[in-house]
Amino acid sequence: MADYAFQLVNVFTRDFDGGNPLAVFTDATGLTDAQMQAVARQMNLSETVFLFPSETADASLRIFTPATELPFAGHPTLGSAYVVAQLKGLGDAVRLETHAGVIPVAIGGHRFTLTANAPTQRPAGFNRAEAAATFKLAEHDVAADPVWVNTGVEQLLIRLSSREAVLTAQPDLPLFFTYCGEDPAHQLAYLWHEEFGEATVRLFFADNGGLREDPGTGSAAANLGGWCVLNGAELPLSWRLLQGETIHRLNLLHLDVSAEGAIRVGGDVVFVGQGSLVLPD
């Protein structure tokens, strides 16, 4: 039997009952892929992180949802940066190795801010009317054609015409599974509306034949920055992103895009607990 220590943090909040919770296993040396996936299912959080030594960064991390491994995700990267900084006594910056490359994270008090990769984009292959039907909205509620954007992990972005449309959207399961990705492990959609520098956002993802709503999604915030870069938004920009309102788990994310198109996503991180998991040899 072997004990594996973990820390629990909430990302995109300073509150015990807000943000997006994350489990970070501080030394996963010796764990197999199958064991990490089993642990992620056991923790049953949006993502669970496993830390390893790195030759090119302060730590290497592997990110698992209960269903699959991800090459990159925002709230696990920021939460892991907090844990690594505490473990190693790092003051103002952390570099983390992911399957999407080395991600730099700046530290300023409680705020952790990552710099995302340059974005790419491709058409979603369905129109605004089909997007509206997928979320039981009127066609005029969809403000732009759906697109897949990638700044580290590819996600489907759908711009809506009002905050109310974002908050009242209700996924139609058969249509969601038809349009929002071919791989059952990566079917998702990010709905967003921005006005006066404040965006209301929601992310739905497939989970064991149903859907879950993520409380706070840093990778999608980065992809929103990528959407802005690739679709003619006025730069530079600095937006507050509100997520998790409909599931009563408020998250506050900060998205900044420079005039040159550099994308940064930040949020507060708070420590909430620690423990260990006992695994058979």
Foldseek 3Di string as FASTA:
>chain_A
DDKWKWFWKAWQDADPQFHFIEIEGAAPPPDDPVRLLVVLLVVQGQKYWYWHPDPPWLIEIWIYHNVGTAQDWARVVQQVFVVSCVVVVDDFWGWYQGNLGIWIWTDDPQKIKIWFAAKDKDAQPDALCLVCVQFVHHSQQFDDGWMWMDRRGTFIETETDDLVCQLRTHGDLVSQCVRQDVDLQFRKYKYWYDDPQEMEIWMWHHDPSRIDIGQDTQRVLQRVLNCCVVPPHDDFGKHWYWGNVNVPHTGIKIWTAHPVGTIMIMRGMYTDGMDIDDDDD
